[in-house]
Amino acid sequence: MAKKTNAGGGKIQLKWVRSFICAPVKQKRVVKGLGFTRLNQVIERPNTAAIRGMVAKVPHLVEIVE
């Protein structure tokens, strides 16, 4: 069998920068699905298309840390 590899490879650091109090429920679920538990938290996730898609859904709440 062929070995699966990450499309982007490596890791990506994300920071939760804005509260989701007035955000729709779908956006709240995306932020929680990324693994955030508190505001201004920085987390590291694999650089995959799924994670990038989740970040693209809430660009006003989450930012990519360089």
C-alpha atoms as a PDB file:
ATOM      1  CA  MET A   1       0.000   0.000   0.000  1.00  0.00           C
ATOM      2  CA  ALA A   2       1.011   3.593  -0.548  1.00  0.00           C
ATOM      3  CA  LYS A   3       1.961   5.632   2.492  1.00  0.00           C
ATOM      4  CA  LYS A   4      -0.225   8.671   3.206  1.00  0.00           C
ATOM      5  CA  THR A   5       1.502  11.992   3.789  1.00  0.00           C
ATOM      6  CA  ASN A   6       0.263  15.420   4.828  1.00  0.00           C
ATOM      7  CA  ALA A   7      -0.470  17.682   1.895  1.00  0.00           C
ATOM      8  CA  GLY A   8       1.059  20.729   3.580  1.00  0.00           C
ATOM      9  CA  GLY A   9       3.350  18.865   5.943  1.00  0.00           C
ATOM     10  CA  GLY A  10       4.677  20.233   9.193  1.00  0.00           C
ATOM     11  CA  LYS A  11       2.814  22.093  11.891  1.00  0.00           C
ATOM     12  CA  ILE A  12       0.840  25.323  12.019  1.00  0.00           C
ATOM     13  CA  GLN A  13       0.466  27.569  15.077  1.00  0.00           C
ATOM     14  CA  LEU A  14      -2.919  29.179  15.636  1.00  0.00           C
ATOM     15  CA  LYS A  15      -3.993  31.898  18.068  1.00  0.00           C
ATOM     16  CA  TRP A  16      -7.531  32.625  19.208  1.00  0.00           C
ATOM     17  CA  VAL A  17      -7.705  36.442  19.105  1.00  0.00           C
ATOM     18  CA  ARG A  18     -11.382  37.401  19.373  1.00  0.00           C
ATOM     19  CA  SER A  19     -14.283  36.152  21.471  1.00  0.00           C
ATOM     20  CA  PHE A  20     -17.082  34.217  19.802  1.00  0.00           C
ATOM     21  CA  ILE A  21     -19.850  35.466  22.108  1.00  0.00           C
ATOM     22  CA  CYS A  22     -21.923  37.006  19.283  1.00  0.00           C
ATOM     23  CA  ALA A  23     -20.804  34.516  16.630  1.00  0.00           C
ATOM     24  CA  PRO A  24     -23.166  31.937  15.122  1.00  0.00           C
ATOM     25  CA  VAL A  25     -23.226  28.452  16.660  1.00  0.00           C
ATOM     26  CA  LYS A  26     -21.417  26.944  13.649  1.00  0.00           C
ATOM     27  CA  GLN A  27     -18.457  29.281  14.180  1.00  0.00           C
ATOM     28  CA  LYS A  28     -18.372  28.491  17.909  1.00  0.00           C
ATOM     29  CA  ARG A  29     -18.176  24.793  17.058  1.00  0.00           C
ATOM     30  CA  VAL A  30     -15.312  25.401  14.627  1.00  0.00           C
ATOM     31  CA  VAL A  31     -13.272  27.217  17.291  1.00  0.00           C
ATOM     32  CA  LYS A  32     -13.925  24.459  19.832  1.00  0.00           C
ATOM     33  CA  GLY A  33     -13.192  21.834  17.174  1.00  0.00           C
ATOM     34  CA  LEU A  34      -9.761  23.349  16.619  1.00  0.00           C
ATOM     35  CA  GLY A  35      -9.080  22.706  20.308  1.00  0.00           C
ATOM     36  CA  PHE A  36      -9.189  26.182  21.813  1.00  0.00           C
ATOM     37  CA  THR A  37     -10.243  26.499  25.452  1.00  0.00           C
ATOM     38  CA  ARG A  38      -9.468  30.154  26.251  1.00  0.00           C
ATOM     39  CA  LEU A  39      -8.911  33.476  24.531  1.00  0.00           C
ATOM     40  CA  ASN A  40      -5.354  34.399  23.395  1.00  0.00           C
ATOM     41  CA  GLN A  41      -4.356  30.742  23.519  1.00  0.00           C
ATOM     42  CA  VAL A  42      -1.749  29.532  21.014  1.00  0.00           C
ATOM     43  CA  ILE A  43      -2.033  25.928  19.842  1.00  0.00           C
ATOM     44  CA  GLU A  44      -0.148  23.816  17.328  1.00  0.00           C
ATOM     45  CA  ARG A  45      -1.975  21.652  14.805  1.00  0.00           C
ATOM     46  CA  PRO A  46      -0.870  19.642  11.756  1.00  0.00           C
ATOM     47  CA  ASN A  47      -0.812  21.654   8.550  1.00  0.00           C
ATOM     48  CA  THR A  48      -3.565  19.798   6.707  1.00  0.00           C
ATOM     49  CA  ALA A  49      -6.305  20.874   4.350  1.00  0.00           C
ATOM     50  CA  ALA A  50      -8.947  20.168   7.006  1.00  0.00           C
ATOM     51  CA  ILE A  51      -7.335  22.448   9.584  1.00  0.00           C
ATOM     52  CA  ARG A  52      -6.733  25.175   6.988  1.00  0.00           C
ATOM     53  CA  GLY A  53     -10.398  24.936   5.967  1.00  0.00           C
ATOM     54  CA  MET A  54     -11.526  25.344   9.563  1.00  0.00           C
ATOM     55  CA  VAL A  55      -9.319  28.423   9.963  1.00  0.00           C
ATOM     56  CA  ALA A  56     -10.724  29.837   6.713  1.00  0.00           C
ATOM     57  CA  LYS A  57     -14.245  29.631   8.180  1.00  0.00           C
ATOM     58  CA  VAL A  58     -13.349  31.882  11.143  1.00  0.00           C
ATOM     59  CA  PRO A  59     -10.556  34.223   9.992  1.00  0.00           C
ATOM     60  CA  HIS A  60     -11.951  37.048  12.140  1.00  0.00           C
ATOM     61  CA  LEU A  61     -11.607  34.932  15.321  1.00  0.00           C
ATOM     62  CA  VAL A  62      -8.407  32.981  14.720  1.00  0.00           C
ATOM     63  CA  GLU A  63      -5.050  33.993  13.271  1.00  0.00           C
ATOM     64  CA  ILE A  64      -2.013  32.038  12.091  1.00  0.00           C
ATOM     65  CA  VAL A  65       1.106  32.777  14.143  1.00  0.00           C
ATOM     66  CA  GLU A  66       4.325  32.944  12.130  1.00  0.00           C
END
